[in-house]
């Protein structure tokens, strides 16, 4: 895997329990700052579906 540049939300500046995302030409990678070794790879369509579901509140607790 190429070297990825991970980003986290501005609302999570301390790095504790934050989602992190790295965007590469072929995929979008997602991980948690709690377990950085566990990386999920999504293609562009999967990423769009995930973002749409989050915005729609499908994962609200």
C-alpha atoms as a PDB file:
ATOM      1  CA  UNK A   1       0.000   0.000   0.000  1.00  0.00           C
ATOM      2  CA  UNK A   2       1.249   3.490  -0.794  1.00  0.00           C
ATOM      3  CA  UNK A   3       1.979   6.009   1.942  1.00  0.00           C
ATOM      4  CA  UNK A   4      -1.347   7.492   2.985  1.00  0.00           C
ATOM      5  CA  UNK A   5      -1.982  10.953   4.387  1.00  0.00           C
ATOM      6  CA  UNK A   6      -4.583  10.543   7.124  1.00  0.00           C
ATOM      7  CA  UNK A   7      -6.986  13.336   8.046  1.00  0.00           C
ATOM      8  CA  UNK A   8      -9.375  13.593  10.973  1.00  0.00           C
ATOM      9  CA  UNK A   9     -12.313  15.952  11.568  1.00  0.00           C
ATOM     10  CA  UNK A  10     -11.561  19.404  12.974  1.00  0.00           C
ATOM     11  CA  UNK A  11     -13.977  18.564  15.813  1.00  0.00           C
ATOM     12  CA  UNK A  12     -11.502  15.909  16.970  1.00  0.00           C
ATOM     13  CA  UNK A  13      -8.247  17.797  17.565  1.00  0.00           C
ATOM     14  CA  UNK A  14      -6.946  15.679  20.468  1.00  0.00           C
ATOM     15  CA  UNK A  15      -6.911  12.466  18.421  1.00  0.00           C
ATOM     16  CA  UNK A  16      -8.814  10.380  20.950  1.00  0.00           C
ATOM     17  CA  UNK A  17     -11.318   8.007  19.397  1.00  0.00           C
ATOM     18  CA  UNK A  18     -11.511   9.798  16.061  1.00  0.00           C
ATOM     19  CA  UNK A  19     -12.381   8.592  12.593  1.00  0.00           C
ATOM     20  CA  UNK A  20      -9.569   9.095  10.095  1.00  0.00           C
ATOM     21  CA  UNK A  21      -9.767   9.135   6.312  1.00  0.00           C
ATOM     22  CA  UNK A  22      -7.130   8.912   3.594  1.00  0.00           C
ATOM     23  CA  UNK A  23      -8.089   9.521  -0.019  1.00  0.00           C
ATOM     24  CA  UNK A  24      -6.045   7.864  -2.745  1.00  0.00           C
ATOM     25  CA  UNK A  25      -6.665   7.797  -6.511  1.00  0.00           C
ATOM     26  CA  UNK A  26      -8.050   4.239  -6.446  1.00  0.00           C
ATOM     27  CA  UNK A  27      -9.812   4.133  -3.071  1.00  0.00           C
ATOM     28  CA  UNK A  28     -10.785   5.825   0.167  1.00  0.00           C
ATOM     29  CA  UNK A  29      -9.368   4.370   3.368  1.00  0.00           C
ATOM     30  CA  UNK A  30     -11.062   4.670   6.761  1.00  0.00           C
ATOM     31  CA  UNK A  31      -9.786   3.793  10.228  1.00  0.00           C
ATOM     32  CA  UNK A  32     -10.194   4.696  13.894  1.00  0.00           C
ATOM     33  CA  UNK A  33      -7.465   6.488  15.811  1.00  0.00           C
ATOM     34  CA  UNK A  34      -8.007   3.834  18.514  1.00  0.00           C
ATOM     35  CA  UNK A  35      -7.026   1.012  16.118  1.00  0.00           C
ATOM     36  CA  UNK A  36      -4.963   2.512  13.306  1.00  0.00           C
ATOM     37  CA  UNK A  37      -3.886  -0.926  12.119  1.00  0.00           C
ATOM     38  CA  UNK A  38      -7.497  -1.826  11.189  1.00  0.00           C
ATOM     39  CA  UNK A  39      -8.061  -0.095   7.858  1.00  0.00           C
ATOM     40  CA  UNK A  40     -11.168  -0.397   5.683  1.00  0.00           C
ATOM     41  CA  UNK A  41     -10.778   0.191   1.951  1.00  0.00           C
ATOM     42  CA  UNK A  42     -13.773   1.599   0.072  1.00  0.00           C
ATOM     43  CA  UNK A  43     -14.182   2.277  -3.604  1.00  0.00           C
ATOM     44  CA  UNK A  44     -15.633   5.640  -4.666  1.00  0.00           C
ATOM     45  CA  UNK A  45     -19.234   4.369  -4.825  1.00  0.00           C
ATOM     46  CA  UNK A  46     -18.996   2.764  -1.390  1.00  0.00           C
ATOM     47  CA  UNK A  47     -17.559   5.992   0.046  1.00  0.00           C
ATOM     48  CA  UNK A  48     -20.398   8.060  -1.451  1.00  0.00           C
ATOM     49  CA  UNK A  49     -22.970   5.609  -0.073  1.00  0.00           C
ATOM     50  CA  UNK A  50     -21.388   5.762   3.390  1.00  0.00           C
ATOM     51  CA  UNK A  51     -21.300   9.572   3.461  1.00  0.00           C
ATOM     52  CA  UNK A  52     -24.916   9.747   2.229  1.00  0.00           C
ATOM     53  CA  UNK A  53     -26.047   7.310   4.936  1.00  0.00           C
ATOM     54  CA  UNK A  54     -24.248   9.285   7.645  1.00  0.00           C
ATOM     55  CA  UNK A  55     -25.822  12.542   6.456  1.00  0.00           C
ATOM     56  CA  UNK A  56     -29.246  10.870   6.416  1.00  0.00           C
ATOM     57  CA  UNK A  57     -28.828   9.826  10.054  1.00  0.00           C
ATOM     58  CA  UNK A  58     -28.791   6.093   9.380  1.00  0.00           C
ATOM     59  CA  UNK A  59     -26.125   5.552  12.043  1.00  0.00           C
ATOM     60  CA  UNK A  60     -27.592   7.811  14.734  1.00  0.00           C
ATOM     61  CA  UNK A  61     -27.675   6.244  18.164  1.00  0.00           C
END
